[in-house]
Each structure stands twice: as structure tokens, then as C-alpha cells.
Amino acid sequence: KCATISGKRMFLAPNLMNKWDSTPNTVEKRTLEVVR
């Protein structure tokens, strides 16, 4: 199921192996520095 078939249509998400699907939580009134 690399691509999804629905009737006559094919749906393809092209990013196969390096997909981001989440992010950190929102922080209200952040007080600390951001460190990457």
C-alpha cells in the first residue's frame, strides 16, 4: 500500500521514508530558552 487506490483514483504521498508526523506541545507563556 505504497499508494492508496480508491475507485479510479490513486493517492500517493511522495515522502516515503523521512516523514514528520508530530510536533511538540504548545506552551502557553513559555519561560525557558529554546535549546536545539
ModelCIF file with pLDDT and N, C-alpha, C, O atoms, coordinates in Angstrom:
data_MODEL
#
_entry.id   MODEL 
#
_entity.id                         1 
_entity.type                       polymer 
_entity.pdbx_number_of_molecules   1 
#
_entity_poly.entity_id                      1 
_entity_poly.type                           'polypeptide(L)' 
_entity_poly.nstd_linkage                   no 
_entity_poly.nstd_monomer                   no 
_entity_poly.pdbx_seq_one_letter_code       KCATISGKRMFLAPNLMNKWDSTPNTVEKRTLEVVR 
_entity_poly.pdbx_seq_one_letter_code_can   KCATISGKRMFLAPNLMNKWDSTPNTVEKRTLEVVR 
_entity_poly.pdbx_strand_id                 A 
#
loop_
_entity_poly_seq.entity_id 
_entity_poly_seq.num 
_entity_poly_seq.mon_id 
_entity_poly_seq.hetero 
1 1  LYS n 
1 2  CYS n 
1 3  ALA n 
1 4  THR n 
1 5  ILE n 
1 6  SER n 
1 7  GLY n 
1 8  LYS n 
1 9  ARG n 
1 10 MET n 
1 11 PHE n 
1 12 LEU n 
1 13 ALA n 
1 14 PRO n 
1 15 ASN n 
1 16 LEU n 
1 17 MET n 
1 18 ASN n 
1 19 LYS n 
1 20 TRP n 
1 21 ASP n 
1 22 SER n 
1 23 THR n 
1 24 PRO n 
1 25 ASN n 
1 26 THR n 
1 27 VAL n 
1 28 GLU n 
1 29 LYS n 
1 30 ARG n 
1 31 THR n 
1 32 LEU n 
1 33 GLU n 
1 34 VAL n 
1 35 VAL n 
1 36 ARG n 
#
_struct_asym.id          A 
_struct_asym.entity_id   1 
#
loop_
_ma_qa_metric.id 
_ma_qa_metric.mode 
_ma_qa_metric.name 
_ma_qa_metric.software_group_id 
_ma_qa_metric.type 
1 global pLDDT . pLDDT 
2 local  pLDDT . pLDDT 
#
_ma_qa_metric_global.metric_id      1 
_ma_qa_metric_global.metric_value   94.64 
_ma_qa_metric_global.model_id       1 
_ma_qa_metric_global.ordinal_id     1 
#
loop_
_ma_qa_metric_local.label_asym_id 
_ma_qa_metric_local.label_comp_id 
_ma_qa_metric_local.label_seq_id 
_ma_qa_metric_local.metric_id 
_ma_qa_metric_local.metric_value 
_ma_qa_metric_local.model_id 
_ma_qa_metric_local.ordinal_id 
A LYS 1  2 94.00 1 1  
A CYS 2  2 95.00 1 2  
A ALA 3  2 96.00 1 3  
A THR 4  2 96.00 1 4  
A ILE 5  2 96.00 1 5  
A SER 6  2 95.00 1 6  
A GLY 7  2 93.00 1 7  
A LYS 8  2 94.00 1 8  
A ARG 9  2 96.00 1 9  
A MET 10 2 97.00 1 10 
A PHE 11 2 98.00 1 11 
A LEU 12 2 97.00 1 12 
A ALA 13 2 96.00 1 13 
A PRO 14 2 97.00 1 14 
A ASN 15 2 97.00 1 15 
A LEU 16 2 96.00 1 16 
A MET 17 2 95.00 1 17 
A ASN 18 2 94.00 1 18 
A LYS 19 2 95.00 1 19 
A TRP 20 2 95.00 1 20 
A ASP 21 2 92.00 1 21 
A SER 22 2 92.00 1 22 
A THR 23 2 93.00 1 23 
A PRO 24 2 93.00 1 24 
A ASN 25 2 92.00 1 25 
A THR 26 2 93.00 1 26 
A VAL 27 2 92.00 1 27 
A GLU 28 2 89.00 1 28 
A LYS 29 2 92.00 1 29 
A ARG 30 2 94.00 1 30 
A THR 31 2 94.00 1 31 
A LEU 32 2 95.00 1 32 
A GLU 33 2 96.00 1 33 
A VAL 34 2 97.00 1 34 
A VAL 35 2 96.00 1 35 
A ARG 36 2 95.00 1 36 
#
loop_
_atom_site.group_PDB 
_atom_site.id 
_atom_site.type_symbol 
_atom_site.label_atom_id 
_atom_site.label_alt_id 
_atom_site.label_comp_id 
_atom_site.label_asym_id 
_atom_site.label_entity_id 
_atom_site.label_seq_id 
_atom_site.pdbx_PDB_ins_code 
_atom_site.Cartn_x 
_atom_site.Cartn_y 
_atom_site.Cartn_z 
_atom_site.occupancy 
_atom_site.B_iso_or_equiv 
_atom_site.pdbx_formal_charge 
_atom_site.auth_seq_id 
_atom_site.auth_comp_id 
_atom_site.auth_asym_id 
_atom_site.auth_atom_id 
_atom_site.pdbx_PDB_model_num 
ATOM 1   N N  . LYS A 1 1  ? 0.829   -1.212 0.000   1.00 94.00 ? 1  LYS A N  1 
ATOM 2   C CA . LYS A 1 1  ? 0.000   0.000  0.000   1.00 94.00 ? 1  LYS A CA 1 
ATOM 3   C C  . LYS A 1 1  ? 0.860   1.257  0.000   1.00 94.00 ? 1  LYS A C  1 
ATOM 4   O O  . LYS A 1 1  ? 0.642   2.183  0.781   1.00 94.00 ? 1  LYS A O  1 
ATOM 5   N N  . CYS A 1 2  ? 1.824   1.263  -0.881  1.00 95.00 ? 2  CYS A N  1 
ATOM 6   C CA . CYS A 1 2  ? 2.673   2.447  -1.035  1.00 95.00 ? 2  CYS A CA 1 
ATOM 7   C C  . CYS A 1 2  ? 1.831   3.620  -1.533  1.00 95.00 ? 2  CYS A C  1 
ATOM 8   O O  . CYS A 1 2  ? 2.083   4.773  -1.185  1.00 95.00 ? 2  CYS A O  1 
ATOM 9   N N  . ALA A 1 3  ? 0.830   3.307  -2.351  1.00 96.00 ? 3  ALA A N  1 
ATOM 10  C CA . ALA A 1 3  ? -0.172  4.274  -2.791  1.00 96.00 ? 3  ALA A CA 1 
ATOM 11  C C  . ALA A 1 3  ? -1.543  3.689  -2.485  1.00 96.00 ? 3  ALA A C  1 
ATOM 12  O O  . ALA A 1 3  ? -1.707  2.471  -2.421  1.00 96.00 ? 3  ALA A O  1 
ATOM 13  N N  . THR A 1 4  ? -2.520  4.559  -2.299  1.00 96.00 ? 4  THR A N  1 
ATOM 14  C CA . THR A 1 4  ? -3.877  4.114  -1.968  1.00 96.00 ? 4  THR A CA 1 
ATOM 15  C C  . THR A 1 4  ? -4.747  4.189  -3.220  1.00 96.00 ? 4  THR A C  1 
ATOM 16  O O  . THR A 1 4  ? -4.797  5.219  -3.892  1.00 96.00 ? 4  THR A O  1 
ATOM 17  N N  . ILE A 1 5  ? -5.432  3.085  -3.528  1.00 96.00 ? 5  ILE A N  1 
ATOM 18  C CA . ILE A 1 5  ? -6.333  3.026  -4.672  1.00 96.00 ? 5  ILE A CA 1 
ATOM 19  C C  . ILE A 1 5  ? -7.761  3.174  -4.168  1.00 96.00 ? 5  ILE A C  1 
ATOM 20  O O  . ILE A 1 5  ? -8.184  2.433  -3.282  1.00 96.00 ? 5  ILE A O  1 
ATOM 21  N N  . SER A 1 6  ? -8.500  4.115  -4.718  1.00 95.00 ? 6  SER A N  1 
ATOM 22  C CA . SER A 1 6  ? -9.910  4.308  -4.381  1.00 95.00 ? 6  SER A CA 1 
ATOM 23  C C  . SER A 1 6  ? -10.683 4.534  -5.672  1.00 95.00 ? 6  SER A C  1 
ATOM 24  O O  . SER A 1 6  ? -10.636 5.614  -6.260  1.00 95.00 ? 6  SER A O  1 
ATOM 25  N N  . GLY A 1 7  ? -11.383 3.513  -6.096  1.00 93.00 ? 7  GLY A N  1 
ATOM 26  C CA . GLY A 1 7  ? -12.084 3.605  -7.382  1.00 93.00 ? 7  GLY A CA 1 
ATOM 27  C C  . GLY A 1 7  ? -11.085 3.763  -8.504  1.00 93.00 ? 7  GLY A C  1 
ATOM 28  O O  . GLY A 1 7  ? -10.176 2.946  -8.650  1.00 93.00 ? 7  GLY A O  1 
ATOM 29  N N  . LYS A 1 8  ? -11.241 4.794  -9.290  1.00 94.00 ? 8  LYS A N  1 
ATOM 30  C CA . LYS A 1 8  ? -10.332 5.020  -10.410 1.00 94.00 ? 8  LYS A CA 1 
ATOM 31  C C  . LYS A 1 8  ? -9.162  5.942  -10.047 1.00 94.00 ? 8  LYS A C  1 
ATOM 32  O O  . LYS A 1 8  ? -8.354  6.302  -10.904 1.00 94.00 ? 8  LYS A O  1 
ATOM 33  N N  . ARG A 1 9  ? -9.084  6.315  -8.773  1.00 96.00 ? 9  ARG A N  1 
ATOM 34  C CA . ARG A 1 9  ? -8.043  7.259  -8.358  1.00 96.00 ? 9  ARG A CA 1 
ATOM 35  C C  . ARG A 1 9  ? -6.940  6.562  -7.557  1.00 96.00 ? 9  ARG A C  1 
ATOM 36  O O  . ARG A 1 9  ? -7.181  5.606  -6.821  1.00 96.00 ? 9  ARG A O  1 
ATOM 37  N N  . MET A 1 10 ? -5.724  7.080  -7.731  1.00 97.00 ? 10 MET A N  1 
ATOM 38  C CA . MET A 1 10 ? -4.566  6.659  -6.951  1.00 97.00 ? 10 MET A CA 1 
ATOM 39  C C  . MET A 1 10 ? -4.061  7.864  -6.160  1.00 97.00 ? 10 MET A C  1 
ATOM 40  O O  . MET A 1 10 ? -3.780  8.921  -6.724  1.00 97.00 ? 10 MET A O  1 
ATOM 41  N N  . PHE A 1 11 ? -3.950  7.682  -4.832  1.00 98.00 ? 11 PHE A N  1 
ATOM 42  C CA . PHE A 1 11 ? -3.456  8.739  -3.951  1.00 98.00 ? 11 PHE A CA 1 
ATOM 43  C C  . PHE A 1 11 ? -2.038  8.362  -3.513  1.00 98.00 ? 11 PHE A C  1 
ATOM 44  O O  . PHE A 1 11 ? -1.817  7.280  -2.970  1.00 98.00 ? 11 PHE A O  1 
ATOM 45  N N  . LEU A 1 12 ? -1.090  9.251  -3.749  1.00 97.00 ? 12 LEU A N  1 
ATOM 46  C CA . LEU A 1 12 ? 0.319   8.962  -3.482  1.00 97.00 ? 12 LEU A CA 1 
ATOM 47  C C  . LEU A 1 12 ? 0.925   10.055 -2.609  1.00 97.00 ? 12 LEU A C  1 
ATOM 48  O O  . LEU A 1 12 ? 1.004   11.211 -3.024  1.00 97.00 ? 12 LEU A O  1 
ATOM 49  N N  . ALA A 1 13 ? 1.362   9.684  -1.376  1.00 96.00 ? 13 ALA A N  1 
ATOM 50  C CA . ALA A 1 13 ? 2.143   10.590 -0.522  1.00 96.00 ? 13 ALA A CA 1 
ATOM 51  C C  . ALA A 1 13 ? 3.608   10.355 -0.869  1.00 96.00 ? 13 ALA A C  1 
ATOM 52  O O  . ALA A 1 13 ? 4.147   9.305  -0.520  1.00 96.00 ? 13 ALA A O  1 
ATOM 53  N N  . PRO A 1 14 ? 4.269   11.285 -1.538  1.00 97.00 ? 14 PRO A N  1 
ATOM 54  C CA . PRO A 1 14 ? 5.582   11.001 -2.135  1.00 97.00 ? 14 PRO A CA 1 
ATOM 55  C C  . PRO A 1 14 ? 6.724   10.821 -1.133  1.00 97.00 ? 14 PRO A C  1 
ATOM 56  O O  . PRO A 1 14 ? 7.719   10.169 -1.450  1.00 97.00 ? 14 PRO A O  1 
ATOM 57  N N  . ASN A 1 15 ? 6.596   11.390 0.075   1.00 97.00 ? 15 ASN A N  1 
ATOM 58  C CA . ASN A 1 15 ? 7.664   11.243 1.070   1.00 97.00 ? 15 ASN A CA 1 
ATOM 59  C C  . ASN A 1 15 ? 7.562   9.848  1.674   1.00 97.00 ? 15 ASN A C  1 
ATOM 60  O O  . ASN A 1 15 ? 6.684   9.587  2.497   1.00 97.00 ? 15 ASN A O  1 
ATOM 61  N N  . LEU A 1 16 ? 8.459   8.950  1.269   1.00 96.00 ? 16 LEU A N  1 
ATOM 62  C CA . LEU A 1 16 ? 8.321   7.548  1.644   1.00 96.00 ? 16 LEU A CA 1 
ATOM 63  C C  . LEU A 1 16 ? 8.980   7.215  2.973   1.00 96.00 ? 16 LEU A C  1 
ATOM 64  O O  . LEU A 1 16 ? 8.399   6.473  3.765   1.00 96.00 ? 16 LEU A O  1 
ATOM 65  N N  . MET A 1 17 ? 10.189  7.745  3.253   1.00 95.00 ? 17 MET A N  1 
ATOM 66  C CA . MET A 1 17 ? 10.970  7.240  4.390   1.00 95.00 ? 17 MET A CA 1 
ATOM 67  C C  . MET A 1 17 ? 11.396  8.296  5.411   1.00 95.00 ? 17 MET A C  1 
ATOM 68  O O  . MET A 1 17 ? 12.100  7.960  6.363   1.00 95.00 ? 17 MET A O  1 
ATOM 69  N N  . ASN A 1 18 ? 11.004  9.533  5.249   1.00 94.00 ? 18 ASN A N  1 
ATOM 70  C CA . ASN A 1 18 ? 11.518  10.566 6.154   1.00 94.00 ? 18 ASN A CA 1 
ATOM 71  C C  . ASN A 1 18 ? 10.411  11.551 6.510   1.00 94.00 ? 18 ASN A C  1 
ATOM 72  O O  . ASN A 1 18 ? 10.601  12.765 6.431   1.00 94.00 ? 18 ASN A O  1 
ATOM 73  N N  . LYS A 1 19 ? 9.272   11.029 6.895   1.00 95.00 ? 19 LYS A N  1 
ATOM 74  C CA . LYS A 1 19 ? 8.092   11.857 7.106   1.00 95.00 ? 19 LYS A CA 1 
ATOM 75  C C  . LYS A 1 19 ? 7.973   12.289 8.570   1.00 95.00 ? 19 LYS A C  1 
ATOM 76  O O  . LYS A 1 19 ? 8.091   11.471 9.481   1.00 95.00 ? 19 LYS A O  1 
ATOM 77  N N  . TRP A 1 20 ? 7.737   13.587 8.779   1.00 95.00 ? 20 TRP A N  1 
ATOM 78  C CA . TRP A 1 20 ? 7.392   14.096 10.101  1.00 95.00 ? 20 TRP A CA 1 
ATOM 79  C C  . TRP A 1 20 ? 5.885   13.978 10.286  1.00 95.00 ? 20 TRP A C  1 
ATOM 80  O O  . TRP A 1 20 ? 5.117   14.359 9.402   1.00 95.00 ? 20 TRP A O  1 
ATOM 81  N N  . ASP A 1 21 ? 5.455   13.448 11.442  1.00 92.00 ? 21 ASP A N  1 
ATOM 82  C CA . ASP A 1 21 ? 4.016   13.314 11.672  1.00 92.00 ? 21 ASP A CA 1 
ATOM 83  C C  . ASP A 1 21 ? 3.567   13.885 13.012  1.00 92.00 ? 21 ASP A C  1 
ATOM 84  O O  . ASP A 1 21 ? 2.404   13.733 13.385  1.00 92.00 ? 21 ASP A O  1 
ATOM 85  N N  . SER A 1 22 ? 4.471   14.542 13.742  1.00 92.00 ? 22 SER A N  1 
ATOM 86  C CA . SER A 1 22 ? 4.084   15.139 15.025  1.00 92.00 ? 22 SER A CA 1 
ATOM 87  C C  . SER A 1 22 ? 5.019   16.289 15.359  1.00 92.00 ? 22 SER A C  1 
ATOM 88  O O  . SER A 1 22 ? 6.111   16.409 14.804  1.00 92.00 ? 22 SER A O  1 
ATOM 89  N N  . THR A 1 23 ? 4.569   17.123 16.271  1.00 93.00 ? 23 THR A N  1 
ATOM 90  C CA . THR A 1 23 ? 5.370   18.251 16.757  1.00 93.00 ? 23 THR A CA 1 
ATOM 91  C C  . THR A 1 23 ? 5.227   18.335 18.278  1.00 93.00 ? 23 THR A C  1 
ATOM 92  O O  . THR A 1 23 ? 4.311   17.731 18.838  1.00 93.00 ? 23 THR A O  1 
ATOM 93  N N  . PRO A 1 24 ? 6.110   19.068 18.954  1.00 93.00 ? 24 PRO A N  1 
ATOM 94  C CA . PRO A 1 24 ? 5.975   19.225 20.405  1.00 93.00 ? 24 PRO A CA 1 
ATOM 95  C C  . PRO A 1 24 ? 4.682   19.957 20.769  1.00 93.00 ? 24 PRO A C  1 
ATOM 96  O O  . PRO A 1 24 ? 4.034   20.573 19.923  1.00 93.00 ? 24 PRO A O  1 
ATOM 97  N N  . ASN A 1 25 ? 4.333   19.872 22.037  1.00 92.00 ? 25 ASN A N  1 
ATOM 98  C CA . ASN A 1 25 ? 3.132   20.535 22.525  1.00 92.00 ? 25 ASN A CA 1 
ATOM 99  C C  . ASN A 1 25 ? 3.296   22.052 22.527  1.00 92.00 ? 25 ASN A C  1 
ATOM 100 O O  . ASN A 1 25 ? 4.400   22.584 22.647  1.00 92.00 ? 25 ASN A O  1 
ATOM 101 N N  . THR A 1 26 ? 2.158   22.725 22.389  1.00 93.00 ? 26 THR A N  1 
ATOM 102 C CA . THR A 1 26 ? 2.134   24.174 22.556  1.00 93.00 ? 26 THR A CA 1 
ATOM 103 C C  . THR A 1 26 ? 2.376   24.515 24.022  1.00 93.00 ? 26 THR A C  1 
ATOM 104 O O  . THR A 1 26 ? 1.880   23.825 24.912  1.00 93.00 ? 26 THR A O  1 
ATOM 105 N N  . VAL A 1 27 ? 3.137   25.578 24.274  1.00 92.00 ? 27 VAL A N  1 
ATOM 106 C CA . VAL A 1 27 ? 3.426   26.015 25.640  1.00 92.00 ? 27 VAL A CA 1 
ATOM 107 C C  . VAL A 1 27 ? 2.949   27.447 25.798  1.00 92.00 ? 27 VAL A C  1 
ATOM 108 O O  . VAL A 1 27 ? 3.450   28.355 25.135  1.00 92.00 ? 27 VAL A O  1 
ATOM 109 N N  . GLU A 1 28 ? 1.977   27.644 26.679  1.00 89.00 ? 28 GLU A N  1 
ATOM 110 C CA . GLU A 1 28 ? 1.499   28.994 26.962  1.00 89.00 ? 28 GLU A CA 1 
ATOM 111 C C  . GLU A 1 28 ? 2.497   29.706 27.878  1.00 89.00 ? 28 GLU A C  1 
ATOM 112 O O  . GLU A 1 28 ? 2.972   29.128 28.856  1.00 89.00 ? 28 GLU A O  1 
ATOM 113 N N  . LYS A 1 29 ? 2.804   30.930 27.565  1.00 92.00 ? 29 LYS A N  1 
ATOM 114 C CA . LYS A 1 29 ? 3.693   31.752 28.386  1.00 92.00 ? 29 LYS A CA 1 
ATOM 115 C C  . LYS A 1 29 ? 5.009   31.036 28.693  1.00 92.00 ? 29 LYS A C  1 
ATOM 116 O O  . LYS A 1 29 ? 5.389   30.852 29.850  1.00 92.00 ? 29 LYS A O  1 
ATOM 117 N N  . ARG A 1 30 ? 5.669   30.651 27.646  1.00 94.00 ? 30 ARG A N  1 
ATOM 118 C CA . ARG A 1 30 ? 6.954   29.964 27.782  1.00 94.00 ? 30 ARG A CA 1 
ATOM 119 C C  . ARG A 1 30 ? 7.931   30.838 28.568  1.00 94.00 ? 30 ARG A C  1 
ATOM 120 O O  . ARG A 1 30 ? 8.002   32.048 28.354  1.00 94.00 ? 30 ARG A O  1 
ATOM 121 N N  . THR A 1 31 ? 8.688   30.211 29.487  1.00 94.00 ? 31 THR A N  1 
ATOM 122 C CA . THR A 1 31 ? 9.635   30.956 30.328  1.00 94.00 ? 31 THR A CA 1 
ATOM 123 C C  . THR A 1 31 ? 11.089  30.571 30.079  1.00 94.00 ? 31 THR A C  1 
ATOM 124 O O  . THR A 1 31 ? 11.998  31.336 30.400  1.00 94.00 ? 31 THR A O  1 
ATOM 125 N N  . LEU A 1 32 ? 11.313  29.383 29.507  1.00 95.00 ? 32 LEU A N  1 
ATOM 126 C CA . LEU A 1 32 ? 12.681  28.888 29.352  1.00 95.00 ? 32 LEU A CA 1 
ATOM 127 C C  . LEU A 1 32 ? 13.187  29.125 27.938  1.00 95.00 ? 32 LEU A C  1 
ATOM 128 O O  . LEU A 1 32 ? 12.410  29.184 26.985  1.00 95.00 ? 32 LEU A O  1 
ATOM 129 N N  . GLU A 1 33 ? 14.497  29.259 27.820  1.00 96.00 ? 33 GLU A N  1 
ATOM 130 C CA . GLU A 1 33 ? 15.112  29.358 26.499  1.00 96.00 ? 33 GLU A CA 1 
ATOM 131 C C  . GLU A 1 33 ? 14.826  28.103 25.680  1.00 96.00 ? 33 GLU A C  1 
ATOM 132 O O  . GLU A 1 33 ? 14.583  27.029 26.228  1.00 96.00 ? 33 GLU A O  1 
ATOM 133 N N  . VAL A 1 34 ? 14.859  28.256 24.380  1.00 97.00 ? 34 VAL A N  1 
ATOM 134 C CA . VAL A 1 34 ? 14.688  27.134 23.460  1.00 97.00 ? 34 VAL A CA 1 
ATOM 135 C C  . VAL A 1 34 ? 16.078  26.652 23.056  1.00 97.00 ? 34 VAL A C  1 
ATOM 136 O O  . VAL A 1 34 ? 16.888  27.427 22.549  1.00 97.00 ? 34 VAL A O  1 
ATOM 137 N N  . VAL A 1 35 ? 16.348  25.362 23.284  1.00 96.00 ? 35 VAL A N  1 
ATOM 138 C CA . VAL A 1 35 ? 17.677  24.818 23.002  1.00 96.00 ? 35 VAL A CA 1 
ATOM 139 C C  . VAL A 1 35 ? 17.546  23.689 21.985  1.00 96.00 ? 35 VAL A C  1 
ATOM 140 O O  . VAL A 1 35 ? 16.899  22.674 22.242  1.00 96.00 ? 35 VAL A O  1 
ATOM 141 N N  . ARG A 1 36 ? 18.166  23.883 20.839  1.00 95.00 ? 36 ARG A N  1 
ATOM 142 C CA . ARG A 1 36 ? 18.282  22.805 19.839  1.00 95.00 ? 36 ARG A CA 1 
ATOM 143 C C  . ARG A 1 36 ? 19.714  22.301 19.867  1.00 95.00 ? 36 ARG A C  1 
ATOM 144 O O  . ARG A 1 36 ? 20.064  21.392 19.114  1.00 95.00 ? 36 ARG A O  1 
#
